[in-house]
């Protein structure tokens, strides 16, 4: 019997494989650009878990020589609880646009302990790229990516997951973050840009 993780993973791997097959360069001197995968959806839907599963399955799926994807989590970039829009824009400008131009991009970690920006992390333009987090599927990113996943889950289920993961620190800011998220939904209509829509709600939920 397939696990819930496998049920979600299978269509993602199929979409990545289909994209890779369709864009494999016929000239070894001019290979196709590395695939860009975006995962978005509300808090607690399972984005981070799905990203981890994709990485674990990558060698059998991609079969390329340029290694595992670079994984970027927007949780590491948000500059505080009001930072969804800022992190989304930063990924567009500093990661995806340079990456699509074949250039090295970078993302900057935000240190929530000191409440200040921290170190920069370079992004290798020769490796596949996987970005996950609330705010990933902005309209500006649709043309800068290949496989775009919209992952949802039952509201009660995802809230339980998110609070179990982040504890009281998130509980006290849940409504604030939900307001940030709702604003993003109105502005960007993220589900509209998805190439694959998935439901992470357990079958028994």
N, C-alpha and C. Protein backbone atom coordinates (compact mmCIF):
# COMPACT_ATOMS: atom_id res chain seq x y z
N UNK A 1 0.85 -1.20 0.00
CA UNK A 1 0.00 0.00 0.00
C UNK A 1 0.88 1.24 0.00
N UNK A 2 0.54 2.23 -0.78
CA UNK A 2 1.33 3.45 -0.86
C UNK A 2 1.09 4.32 0.36
N UNK A 3 2.16 4.95 0.85
CA UNK A 3 2.03 5.88 1.96
C UNK A 3 1.53 7.21 1.42
N UNK A 4 0.98 8.10 2.32
CA UNK A 4 0.55 9.42 1.85
C UNK A 4 1.67 10.18 1.17
N UNK A 5 2.90 10.05 1.69
CA UNK A 5 4.04 10.74 1.08
C UNK A 5 4.28 10.25 -0.34
N UNK A 6 4.16 8.95 -0.56
CA UNK A 6 4.37 8.40 -1.89
C UNK A 6 3.29 8.84 -2.85
N UNK A 7 2.07 8.95 -2.36
CA UNK A 7 0.95 9.39 -3.21
C UNK A 7 1.20 10.81 -3.70
N UNK A 8 1.73 11.68 -2.84
CA UNK A 8 2.04 13.04 -3.25
C UNK A 8 3.28 13.09 -4.14
N UNK A 9 4.25 12.26 -3.82
CA UNK A 9 5.53 12.30 -4.52
C UNK A 9 5.44 11.81 -5.96
N UNK A 10 4.67 10.78 -6.20
CA UNK A 10 4.63 10.15 -7.52
C UNK A 10 4.31 11.13 -8.64
N UNK A 11 3.25 11.95 -8.54
CA UNK A 11 2.96 12.88 -9.64
C UNK A 11 4.03 13.97 -9.80
N UNK A 12 4.69 14.31 -8.70
CA UNK A 12 5.76 15.31 -8.78
C UNK A 12 6.94 14.74 -9.56
N UNK A 13 7.34 13.52 -9.23
CA UNK A 13 8.46 12.89 -9.94
C UNK A 13 8.13 12.71 -11.41
N UNK A 14 6.88 12.38 -11.70
CA UNK A 14 6.47 12.21 -13.09
C UNK A 14 6.56 13.54 -13.84
N UNK A 15 6.16 14.63 -13.19
CA UNK A 15 6.21 15.94 -13.83
C UNK A 15 7.66 16.38 -14.07
N UNK A 16 8.53 16.11 -13.12
CA UNK A 16 9.94 16.46 -13.29
C UNK A 16 10.55 15.64 -14.42
N UNK A 17 10.25 14.35 -14.43
CA UNK A 17 10.80 13.48 -15.47
C UNK A 17 10.30 13.90 -16.85
N UNK A 18 9.01 14.27 -16.94
CA UNK A 18 8.45 14.69 -18.23
C UNK A 18 9.12 15.97 -18.71
N UNK A 19 9.31 16.91 -17.80
CA UNK A 19 9.98 18.15 -18.20
C UNK A 19 11.41 17.88 -18.66
N UNK A 20 12.12 17.06 -17.91
CA UNK A 20 13.51 16.75 -18.26
C UNK A 20 13.59 16.08 -19.62
N UNK A 21 12.70 15.13 -19.88
CA UNK A 21 12.71 14.42 -21.16
C UNK A 21 12.42 15.37 -22.31
N UNK A 22 11.52 16.31 -22.08
CA UNK A 22 11.13 17.23 -23.15
C UNK A 22 12.17 18.30 -23.42
N UNK A 23 13.07 18.53 -22.47
CA UNK A 23 14.03 19.62 -22.62
C UNK A 23 15.47 19.17 -22.59
N UNK A 24 15.70 17.89 -22.77
CA UNK A 24 17.07 17.40 -22.82
C UNK A 24 17.73 17.89 -24.10
N UNK A 25 18.87 18.52 -23.96
CA UNK A 25 19.56 19.09 -25.12
C UNK A 25 20.06 18.02 -26.06
N UNK A 26 19.88 18.20 -27.34
CA UNK A 26 20.37 17.24 -28.33
C UNK A 26 21.86 17.45 -28.59
N UNK A 27 22.37 18.61 -28.23
CA UNK A 27 23.78 18.92 -28.41
C UNK A 27 24.45 18.96 -27.04
N UNK A 28 25.37 18.05 -26.81
CA UNK A 28 26.04 17.97 -25.51
C UNK A 28 26.78 19.26 -25.17
N UNK A 29 27.15 20.03 -26.20
CA UNK A 29 27.84 21.30 -25.95
C UNK A 29 26.87 22.41 -25.56
N UNK A 30 25.58 22.16 -25.72
CA UNK A 30 24.57 23.16 -25.38
C UNK A 30 23.42 22.50 -24.63
N UNK A 31 23.70 22.01 -23.42
CA UNK A 31 22.68 21.26 -22.68
C UNK A 31 21.52 22.16 -22.24
N UNK A 32 20.39 21.52 -21.96
CA UNK A 32 19.24 22.27 -21.50
C UNK A 32 19.52 22.83 -20.11
N UNK A 33 18.90 23.96 -19.76
CA UNK A 33 19.13 24.55 -18.43
C UNK A 33 18.57 23.66 -17.34
N UNK A 34 19.14 23.72 -16.14
CA UNK A 34 18.62 22.91 -15.03
C UNK A 34 17.17 23.25 -14.72
N UNK A 35 16.42 22.25 -14.30
CA UNK A 35 15.01 22.44 -13.99
C UNK A 35 14.85 23.28 -12.72
N UNK A 36 13.80 24.11 -12.69
CA UNK A 36 13.45 24.92 -11.53
C UNK A 36 12.08 24.47 -11.02
N UNK A 37 12.02 24.07 -9.77
CA UNK A 37 10.78 23.56 -9.16
C UNK A 37 10.38 24.49 -8.03
N UNK A 38 9.13 24.92 -8.00
CA UNK A 38 8.60 25.75 -6.93
C UNK A 38 7.47 25.02 -6.23
N UNK A 39 7.44 25.10 -4.90
CA UNK A 39 6.37 24.50 -4.11
C UNK A 39 5.77 25.58 -3.22
N UNK A 40 4.47 25.81 -3.36
CA UNK A 40 3.79 26.82 -2.56
C UNK A 40 2.52 26.22 -1.99
N UNK A 41 1.94 26.93 -1.05
CA UNK A 41 0.71 26.49 -0.40
C UNK A 41 0.69 27.04 1.01
N UNK A 42 -0.42 26.93 1.71
CA UNK A 42 -0.54 27.50 3.05
C UNK A 42 0.33 26.79 4.07
N UNK A 43 0.54 27.44 5.20
CA UNK A 43 1.35 26.87 6.28
C UNK A 43 0.78 25.52 6.72
N UNK A 44 1.67 24.55 6.89
CA UNK A 44 1.26 23.24 7.37
C UNK A 44 0.75 22.31 6.31
N UNK A 45 0.78 22.71 5.05
CA UNK A 45 0.27 21.84 3.97
C UNK A 45 1.22 20.68 3.68
N UNK A 46 2.50 20.82 4.05
CA UNK A 46 3.45 19.75 3.81
C UNK A 46 4.52 20.08 2.79
N UNK A 47 4.75 21.36 2.55
CA UNK A 47 5.71 21.78 1.53
C UNK A 47 7.13 21.32 1.84
N UNK A 48 7.57 21.53 3.07
CA UNK A 48 8.94 21.15 3.45
C UNK A 48 9.15 19.65 3.35
N UNK A 49 8.16 18.89 3.81
CA UNK A 49 8.26 17.43 3.74
C UNK A 49 8.32 16.97 2.29
N UNK A 50 7.49 17.54 1.44
CA UNK A 50 7.50 17.16 0.03
C UNK A 50 8.85 17.50 -0.60
N UNK A 51 9.40 18.65 -0.28
CA UNK A 51 10.71 19.03 -0.81
C UNK A 51 11.78 18.03 -0.39
N UNK A 52 11.74 17.60 0.87
CA UNK A 52 12.70 16.61 1.35
C UNK A 52 12.55 15.29 0.59
N UNK A 53 11.32 14.90 0.32
CA UNK A 53 11.07 13.65 -0.40
C UNK A 53 11.58 13.74 -1.85
N UNK A 54 11.42 14.90 -2.46
CA UNK A 54 11.92 15.09 -3.82
C UNK A 54 13.44 14.93 -3.85
N UNK A 55 14.12 15.54 -2.90
CA UNK A 55 15.57 15.42 -2.85
C UNK A 55 16.00 13.97 -2.65
N UNK A 56 15.30 13.26 -1.77
CA UNK A 56 15.65 11.87 -1.49
C UNK A 56 15.48 10.99 -2.71
N UNK A 57 14.51 11.32 -3.57
CA UNK A 57 14.23 10.50 -4.75
C UNK A 57 14.96 10.99 -5.99
N UNK A 58 15.67 12.10 -5.90
CA UNK A 58 16.21 12.75 -7.10
C UNK A 58 17.13 11.90 -7.96
N UNK A 59 18.12 11.20 -7.43
CA UNK A 59 19.04 10.46 -8.31
C UNK A 59 18.33 9.49 -9.26
N UNK A 60 17.27 8.85 -8.77
CA UNK A 60 16.55 7.90 -9.61
C UNK A 60 15.65 8.60 -10.61
N UNK A 61 15.38 9.88 -10.38
CA UNK A 61 14.44 10.60 -11.22
C UNK A 61 15.13 11.42 -12.29
N UNK A 62 16.11 12.18 -11.88
CA UNK A 62 16.70 13.15 -12.80
C UNK A 62 17.74 12.52 -13.71
N UNK A 63 18.64 11.73 -13.13
CA UNK A 63 19.63 11.05 -13.93
C UNK A 63 20.64 11.97 -14.59
N UNK A 64 20.71 13.21 -14.13
CA UNK A 64 21.66 14.16 -14.70
C UNK A 64 22.98 14.09 -13.94
N UNK A 65 23.98 14.73 -14.47
CA UNK A 65 25.30 14.69 -13.85
C UNK A 65 25.58 15.93 -13.01
N UNK A 66 24.60 16.83 -12.92
CA UNK A 66 24.87 18.07 -12.20
C UNK A 66 24.39 18.04 -10.75
N UNK A 67 24.18 16.85 -10.20
CA UNK A 67 23.94 16.73 -8.77
C UNK A 67 22.53 17.02 -8.31
N UNK A 68 22.37 17.01 -6.99
CA UNK A 68 21.08 17.28 -6.37
C UNK A 68 20.70 18.74 -6.54
N UNK A 69 19.41 19.03 -6.50
CA UNK A 69 19.00 20.43 -6.57
C UNK A 69 19.49 21.22 -5.37
N UNK A 70 19.70 22.48 -5.59
CA UNK A 70 19.86 23.41 -4.48
C UNK A 70 18.48 23.62 -3.87
N UNK A 71 18.35 23.43 -2.56
CA UNK A 71 17.07 23.61 -1.89
C UNK A 71 17.07 24.93 -1.13
N UNK A 72 16.09 25.77 -1.42
CA UNK A 72 15.92 27.03 -0.71
C UNK A 72 14.57 27.01 -0.02
N UNK A 73 14.56 27.29 1.27
CA UNK A 73 13.33 27.35 2.05
C UNK A 73 13.06 28.81 2.40
N UNK A 74 11.87 29.29 2.04
CA UNK A 74 11.55 30.66 2.36
C UNK A 74 11.51 30.92 3.87
N UNK A 75 11.31 29.87 4.66
CA UNK A 75 11.35 30.02 6.12
C UNK A 75 12.68 30.61 6.58
N UNK A 76 13.74 30.39 5.80
CA UNK A 76 15.06 30.92 6.16
C UNK A 76 15.27 32.36 5.70
N UNK A 77 14.32 32.88 4.92
CA UNK A 77 14.49 34.21 4.32
C UNK A 77 13.53 35.25 4.90
N UNK A 78 12.31 34.84 5.31
CA UNK A 78 11.34 35.81 5.81
C UNK A 78 11.96 36.74 6.85
N UNK A 79 11.87 38.05 6.66
CA UNK A 79 12.39 38.98 7.66
C UNK A 79 11.33 39.31 8.72
N UNK A 80 10.93 38.32 9.47
CA UNK A 80 9.91 38.51 10.50
C UNK A 80 8.53 38.09 10.04
N UNK A 81 7.56 38.26 10.93
CA UNK A 81 6.20 37.77 10.68
C UNK A 81 5.46 38.59 9.64
N UNK A 82 5.98 39.73 9.28
CA UNK A 82 5.37 40.54 8.22
C UNK A 82 6.20 40.49 6.95
N UNK A 83 7.00 39.44 6.81
CA UNK A 83 7.97 39.41 5.73
C UNK A 83 7.67 38.54 4.55
N UNK A 84 6.44 38.06 4.39
CA UNK A 84 6.14 37.16 3.28
C UNK A 84 6.38 37.83 1.93
N UNK A 85 5.83 39.00 1.74
CA UNK A 85 5.98 39.70 0.45
C UNK A 85 7.44 40.03 0.17
N UNK A 86 8.18 40.43 1.19
CA UNK A 86 9.58 40.77 1.01
C UNK A 86 10.41 39.56 0.59
N UNK A 87 10.19 38.42 1.25
CA UNK A 87 10.93 37.21 0.91
C UNK A 87 10.59 36.73 -0.50
N UNK A 88 9.32 36.83 -0.86
CA UNK A 88 8.89 36.43 -2.20
C UNK A 88 9.59 37.26 -3.26
N UNK A 89 9.65 38.57 -3.04
CA UNK A 89 10.32 39.46 -4.00
C UNK A 89 11.82 39.21 -4.04
N UNK A 90 12.42 38.91 -2.89
CA UNK A 90 13.86 38.64 -2.85
C UNK A 90 14.21 37.41 -3.68
N UNK A 91 13.39 36.37 -3.59
CA UNK A 91 13.64 35.16 -4.37
C UNK A 91 13.56 35.46 -5.86
N UNK A 92 12.59 36.26 -6.25
CA UNK A 92 12.47 36.64 -7.66
C UNK A 92 13.71 37.37 -8.15
N UNK A 93 14.11 38.40 -7.42
CA UNK A 93 15.18 39.28 -7.88
C UNK A 93 16.57 38.69 -7.72
N UNK A 94 16.83 38.03 -6.61
CA UNK A 94 18.19 37.60 -6.30
C UNK A 94 18.47 36.14 -6.62
N UNK A 95 17.42 35.36 -6.84
CA UNK A 95 17.62 33.93 -7.12
C UNK A 95 17.15 33.57 -8.53
N UNK A 96 15.86 33.70 -8.79
CA UNK A 96 15.29 33.16 -10.02
C UNK A 96 15.70 33.91 -11.28
N UNK A 97 15.69 35.23 -11.23
CA UNK A 97 16.08 35.96 -12.44
C UNK A 97 17.55 35.73 -12.81
N UNK A 98 18.47 35.82 -11.86
CA UNK A 98 19.86 35.48 -12.23
C UNK A 98 20.00 34.03 -12.69
N UNK A 99 19.31 33.12 -12.02
CA UNK A 99 19.41 31.70 -12.36
C UNK A 99 18.98 31.45 -13.79
N UNK A 100 17.88 32.06 -14.20
CA UNK A 100 17.37 31.87 -15.55
C UNK A 100 18.29 32.49 -16.60
N UNK A 101 19.10 33.44 -16.17
CA UNK A 101 20.06 34.05 -17.08
C UNK A 101 21.38 33.30 -17.08
N UNK A 102 21.43 32.17 -16.35
CA UNK A 102 22.66 31.39 -16.28
C UNK A 102 23.70 31.96 -15.36
N UNK A 103 23.27 32.84 -14.45
CA UNK A 103 24.19 33.51 -13.54
C UNK A 103 24.03 32.99 -12.12
N UNK A 104 25.02 33.21 -11.31
CA UNK A 104 24.95 32.81 -9.91
C UNK A 104 24.08 33.80 -9.14
N UNK A 105 23.03 33.30 -8.52
CA UNK A 105 22.21 34.12 -7.65
C UNK A 105 22.61 33.89 -6.21
N UNK A 106 21.83 34.41 -5.30
CA UNK A 106 22.12 34.23 -3.88
C UNK A 106 20.87 34.56 -3.06
N UNK A 107 20.79 33.96 -1.89
CA UNK A 107 19.73 34.33 -0.96
C UNK A 107 20.35 34.63 0.40
N UNK A 108 19.70 35.49 1.16
CA UNK A 108 20.24 35.91 2.44
C UNK A 108 19.39 35.40 3.59
N UNK A 109 20.02 34.69 4.50
CA UNK A 109 19.32 34.17 5.67
C UNK A 109 18.95 35.30 6.61
N UNK A 110 17.77 35.18 7.21
CA UNK A 110 17.36 36.14 8.23
C UNK A 110 17.47 35.47 9.58
N UNK A 111 18.19 36.11 10.50
CA UNK A 111 18.39 35.56 11.84
C UNK A 111 17.29 36.08 12.76
N UNK A 112 16.36 35.21 13.08
CA UNK A 112 15.23 35.62 13.91
C UNK A 112 15.65 35.87 15.36
N UNK A 113 16.76 35.30 15.76
CA UNK A 113 17.24 35.50 17.13
C UNK A 113 17.73 36.93 17.33
N UNK A 114 18.48 37.43 16.36
CA UNK A 114 19.00 38.80 16.45
C UNK A 114 18.10 39.80 15.73
N UNK A 115 17.08 39.28 15.02
CA UNK A 115 16.16 40.12 14.25
C UNK A 115 16.91 41.00 13.26
N UNK A 116 17.79 40.32 12.49
CA UNK A 116 18.62 41.05 11.53
C UNK A 116 19.04 40.13 10.40
N UNK A 117 19.30 40.70 9.21
CA UNK A 117 19.81 39.88 8.11
C UNK A 117 21.15 39.25 8.49
N UNK A 118 21.37 38.04 7.97
CA UNK A 118 22.61 37.32 8.27
C UNK A 118 23.39 37.08 6.98
N UNK A 119 24.00 35.90 6.85
CA UNK A 119 24.92 35.64 5.75
C UNK A 119 24.19 35.35 4.43
N UNK A 120 24.91 35.55 3.34
CA UNK A 120 24.41 35.23 2.01
C UNK A 120 24.81 33.80 1.63
N UNK A 121 23.95 33.15 0.83
CA UNK A 121 24.21 31.80 0.34
C UNK A 121 24.16 31.82 -1.19
N UNK A 122 25.24 31.46 -1.87
CA UNK A 122 25.24 31.47 -3.33
C UNK A 122 24.39 30.33 -3.89
N UNK A 123 23.90 30.53 -5.11
CA UNK A 123 23.09 29.53 -5.80
C UNK A 123 23.80 29.16 -7.10
N UNK A 124 24.17 27.92 -7.23
CA UNK A 124 24.89 27.42 -8.39
C UNK A 124 23.94 27.33 -9.59
N UNK A 125 24.20 28.06 -10.68
CA UNK A 125 23.30 28.04 -11.83
C UNK A 125 23.38 26.76 -12.64
N UNK A 126 24.31 25.87 -12.31
CA UNK A 126 24.44 24.62 -13.06
C UNK A 126 23.74 23.45 -12.38
N UNK A 127 23.20 23.68 -11.21
CA UNK A 127 22.46 22.63 -10.51
C UNK A 127 20.96 22.91 -10.59
N UNK A 128 20.12 21.87 -10.57
CA UNK A 128 18.68 22.10 -10.48
C UNK A 128 18.36 22.93 -9.24
N UNK A 129 17.19 23.53 -9.24
CA UNK A 129 16.81 24.42 -8.14
C UNK A 129 15.42 24.07 -7.64
N UNK A 130 15.28 23.97 -6.33
CA UNK A 130 14.01 23.66 -5.68
C UNK A 130 13.77 24.71 -4.61
N UNK A 131 12.67 25.45 -4.74
CA UNK A 131 12.33 26.51 -3.79
C UNK A 131 10.96 26.20 -3.19
N UNK A 132 10.88 26.20 -1.86
CA UNK A 132 9.60 25.91 -1.23
C UNK A 132 9.29 26.94 -0.15
N UNK A 133 8.00 27.23 -0.01
CA UNK A 133 7.56 28.13 1.04
C UNK A 133 6.39 28.99 0.61
N UNK A 134 5.70 29.56 1.60
CA UNK A 134 4.59 30.46 1.32
C UNK A 134 5.12 31.70 0.60
N UNK A 135 4.60 31.96 -0.58
CA UNK A 135 5.04 33.11 -1.34
C UNK A 135 5.89 32.77 -2.54
N UNK A 136 6.12 31.50 -2.77
CA UNK A 136 6.98 31.07 -3.87
C UNK A 136 6.32 31.30 -5.23
N UNK A 137 5.02 31.00 -5.34
CA UNK A 137 4.33 31.08 -6.62
C UNK A 137 3.78 32.47 -6.89
N UNK A 138 4.66 33.46 -6.84
CA UNK A 138 4.26 34.81 -7.25
C UNK A 138 4.14 34.84 -8.78
N UNK A 139 3.33 35.75 -9.28
CA UNK A 139 3.13 35.84 -10.73
C UNK A 139 4.45 36.03 -11.47
N UNK A 140 5.36 36.80 -10.89
CA UNK A 140 6.63 37.07 -11.54
C UNK A 140 7.49 35.82 -11.70
N UNK A 141 7.20 34.79 -10.92
CA UNK A 141 8.01 33.57 -10.95
C UNK A 141 7.52 32.52 -11.93
N UNK A 142 6.34 32.74 -12.48
CA UNK A 142 5.77 31.73 -13.38
C UNK A 142 6.66 31.47 -14.58
N UNK A 143 7.17 32.53 -15.19
CA UNK A 143 8.01 32.38 -16.36
C UNK A 143 9.45 32.09 -16.05
N UNK A 144 9.78 32.02 -14.76
CA UNK A 144 11.16 31.76 -14.32
C UNK A 144 11.31 30.36 -13.76
N UNK A 145 10.31 29.51 -13.95
CA UNK A 145 10.30 28.18 -13.34
C UNK A 145 9.68 27.18 -14.30
N UNK A 146 9.81 25.90 -13.97
CA UNK A 146 9.35 24.83 -14.86
C UNK A 146 8.23 23.99 -14.27
N UNK A 147 8.45 23.47 -13.08
CA UNK A 147 7.44 22.66 -12.40
C UNK A 147 6.98 23.44 -11.18
N UNK A 148 5.69 23.81 -11.17
CA UNK A 148 5.15 24.66 -10.11
C UNK A 148 4.04 23.90 -9.38
N UNK A 149 4.28 23.62 -8.11
CA UNK A 149 3.39 22.77 -7.32
C UNK A 149 2.60 23.61 -6.33
N UNK A 150 1.29 23.45 -6.37
CA UNK A 150 0.40 24.09 -5.39
C UNK A 150 -0.10 22.98 -4.46
N UNK A 151 0.30 23.05 -3.19
CA UNK A 151 -0.01 22.01 -2.21
C UNK A 151 -0.92 22.57 -1.14
N UNK A 152 -2.09 21.97 -0.96
CA UNK A 152 -3.03 22.41 0.06
C UNK A 152 -3.28 21.29 1.05
N UNK A 153 -4.06 21.59 2.08
CA UNK A 153 -4.47 20.59 3.07
C UNK A 153 -5.64 21.16 3.85
N UNK A 154 -6.35 20.28 4.52
CA UNK A 154 -7.46 20.68 5.37
C UNK A 154 -6.98 21.73 6.38
N UNK A 155 -7.77 22.78 6.59
CA UNK A 155 -7.34 23.89 7.45
C UNK A 155 -6.98 23.43 8.86
N UNK A 156 -7.81 22.58 9.45
CA UNK A 156 -7.54 22.11 10.81
C UNK A 156 -6.27 21.26 10.84
N UNK A 157 -6.13 20.41 9.85
CA UNK A 157 -4.95 19.53 9.78
C UNK A 157 -3.67 20.34 9.64
N UNK A 158 -3.67 21.30 8.75
CA UNK A 158 -2.43 22.04 8.51
C UNK A 158 -2.09 22.94 9.71
N UNK A 159 -3.09 23.48 10.40
CA UNK A 159 -2.80 24.28 11.59
C UNK A 159 -2.17 23.42 12.67
N UNK A 160 -2.69 22.22 12.86
CA UNK A 160 -2.10 21.31 13.84
C UNK A 160 -0.66 20.99 13.48
N UNK A 161 -0.40 20.74 12.21
CA UNK A 161 0.96 20.44 11.77
C UNK A 161 1.89 21.61 12.03
N UNK A 162 1.46 22.81 11.64
CA UNK A 162 2.31 23.99 11.75
C UNK A 162 2.64 24.28 13.21
N UNK A 163 1.65 24.18 14.09
CA UNK A 163 1.88 24.47 15.49
C UNK A 163 2.71 23.38 16.16
N UNK A 164 2.53 22.15 15.71
CA UNK A 164 3.36 21.07 16.25
C UNK A 164 4.82 21.26 15.86
N UNK A 165 5.02 21.81 14.67
CA UNK A 165 6.39 22.03 14.18
C UNK A 165 7.04 23.23 14.85
N UNK A 166 6.31 24.35 14.95
CA UNK A 166 6.91 25.60 15.41
C UNK A 166 6.50 26.02 16.81
N UNK A 167 5.53 25.32 17.39
CA UNK A 167 5.17 25.56 18.79
C UNK A 167 4.52 26.90 19.06
N UNK A 168 4.70 27.37 20.30
CA UNK A 168 4.04 28.58 20.77
C UNK A 168 4.50 29.82 20.01
N UNK A 169 5.70 29.79 19.48
CA UNK A 169 6.19 30.94 18.73
C UNK A 169 5.29 31.24 17.55
N UNK A 170 4.75 30.19 16.93
CA UNK A 170 3.85 30.37 15.79
C UNK A 170 2.43 30.61 16.25
N UNK A 171 2.02 29.96 17.34
CA UNK A 171 0.63 30.09 17.80
C UNK A 171 0.27 31.56 18.03
N UNK A 172 1.17 32.30 18.64
CA UNK A 172 0.86 33.70 18.97
C UNK A 172 0.86 34.60 17.74
N UNK A 173 1.38 34.09 16.62
CA UNK A 173 1.44 34.89 15.40
C UNK A 173 0.61 34.29 14.27
N UNK A 174 -0.18 33.27 14.58
CA UNK A 174 -0.92 32.57 13.53
C UNK A 174 -1.82 33.51 12.74
N UNK A 175 -2.62 34.30 13.43
CA UNK A 175 -3.55 35.20 12.74
C UNK A 175 -2.80 36.25 11.92
N UNK A 176 -1.70 36.75 12.46
CA UNK A 176 -0.89 37.72 11.75
C UNK A 176 -0.34 37.13 10.45
N UNK A 177 0.16 35.91 10.54
CA UNK A 177 0.71 35.27 9.34
C UNK A 177 -0.40 34.94 8.34
N UNK A 178 -1.55 34.53 8.82
CA UNK A 178 -2.67 34.24 7.93
C UNK A 178 -3.10 35.49 7.17
N UNK A 179 -3.02 36.65 7.82
CA UNK A 179 -3.35 37.90 7.14
C UNK A 179 -2.33 38.18 6.03
N UNK A 180 -1.04 37.92 6.32
CA UNK A 180 -0.01 38.06 5.30
C UNK A 180 -0.30 37.14 4.11
N UNK A 181 -0.67 35.92 4.43
CA UNK A 181 -0.94 34.90 3.41
C UNK A 181 -2.14 35.28 2.55
N UNK A 182 -3.20 35.75 3.20
CA UNK A 182 -4.39 36.14 2.45
C UNK A 182 -4.09 37.30 1.52
N UNK A 183 -3.26 38.22 1.95
CA UNK A 183 -2.87 39.32 1.09
C UNK A 183 -2.12 38.83 -0.14
N UNK A 184 -1.24 37.85 0.07
CA UNK A 184 -0.49 37.27 -1.05
C UNK A 184 -1.45 36.57 -2.02
N UNK A 185 -2.43 35.84 -1.50
CA UNK A 185 -3.39 35.15 -2.35
C UNK A 185 -4.14 36.12 -3.25
N UNK A 186 -4.55 37.24 -2.69
CA UNK A 186 -5.30 38.23 -3.46
C UNK A 186 -4.42 38.87 -4.53
N UNK A 187 -3.19 39.22 -4.15
CA UNK A 187 -2.30 39.92 -5.09
C UNK A 187 -1.81 39.02 -6.21
N UNK A 188 -1.41 37.80 -5.87
CA UNK A 188 -0.66 36.96 -6.80
C UNK A 188 -1.44 35.79 -7.40
N UNK A 189 -2.57 35.41 -6.80
CA UNK A 189 -3.34 34.26 -7.28
C UNK A 189 -2.42 33.06 -7.55
N UNK A 190 -1.69 32.60 -6.54
CA UNK A 190 -0.64 31.60 -6.77
C UNK A 190 -1.10 30.30 -7.41
N UNK A 191 -2.28 29.81 -7.04
CA UNK A 191 -2.75 28.55 -7.62
C UNK A 191 -2.91 28.63 -9.13
N UNK A 192 -3.13 29.84 -9.62
CA UNK A 192 -3.30 30.04 -11.06
C UNK A 192 -2.06 29.63 -11.85
N UNK A 193 -0.88 29.75 -11.22
CA UNK A 193 0.37 29.50 -11.93
C UNK A 193 0.86 28.07 -11.79
N UNK A 194 0.15 27.27 -11.02
CA UNK A 194 0.60 25.91 -10.75
C UNK A 194 0.50 25.02 -11.99
N UNK A 195 1.49 24.16 -12.16
CA UNK A 195 1.41 23.13 -13.19
C UNK A 195 0.93 21.82 -12.60
N UNK A 196 0.88 21.76 -11.26
CA UNK A 196 0.45 20.55 -10.56
C UNK A 196 -0.18 20.96 -9.24
N UNK A 197 -1.41 20.51 -9.00
CA UNK A 197 -2.10 20.81 -7.74
C UNK A 197 -2.29 19.52 -6.96
N UNK A 198 -1.92 19.57 -5.65
CA UNK A 198 -1.96 18.39 -4.81
C UNK A 198 -2.64 18.72 -3.49
N UNK A 199 -3.21 17.70 -2.85
CA UNK A 199 -3.86 17.84 -1.55
C UNK A 199 -3.11 16.97 -0.55
N UNK A 200 -2.54 17.62 0.47
CA UNK A 200 -1.77 16.89 1.46
C UNK A 200 -2.56 16.45 2.66
N UNK A 201 -3.90 16.53 2.61
CA UNK A 201 -4.73 16.08 3.71
C UNK A 201 -4.74 14.56 3.80
N UNK A 202 -4.43 13.97 4.97
CA UNK A 202 -4.50 12.51 5.09
C UNK A 202 -5.89 12.00 4.74
N UNK A 203 -5.97 10.80 4.21
CA UNK A 203 -7.25 10.24 3.78
C UNK A 203 -8.25 10.14 4.91
N UNK A 204 -7.76 10.00 6.15
CA UNK A 204 -8.66 9.84 7.30
C UNK A 204 -9.10 11.17 7.88
N UNK A 205 -8.52 12.29 7.38
CA UNK A 205 -8.83 13.60 7.95
C UNK A 205 -10.23 14.05 7.55
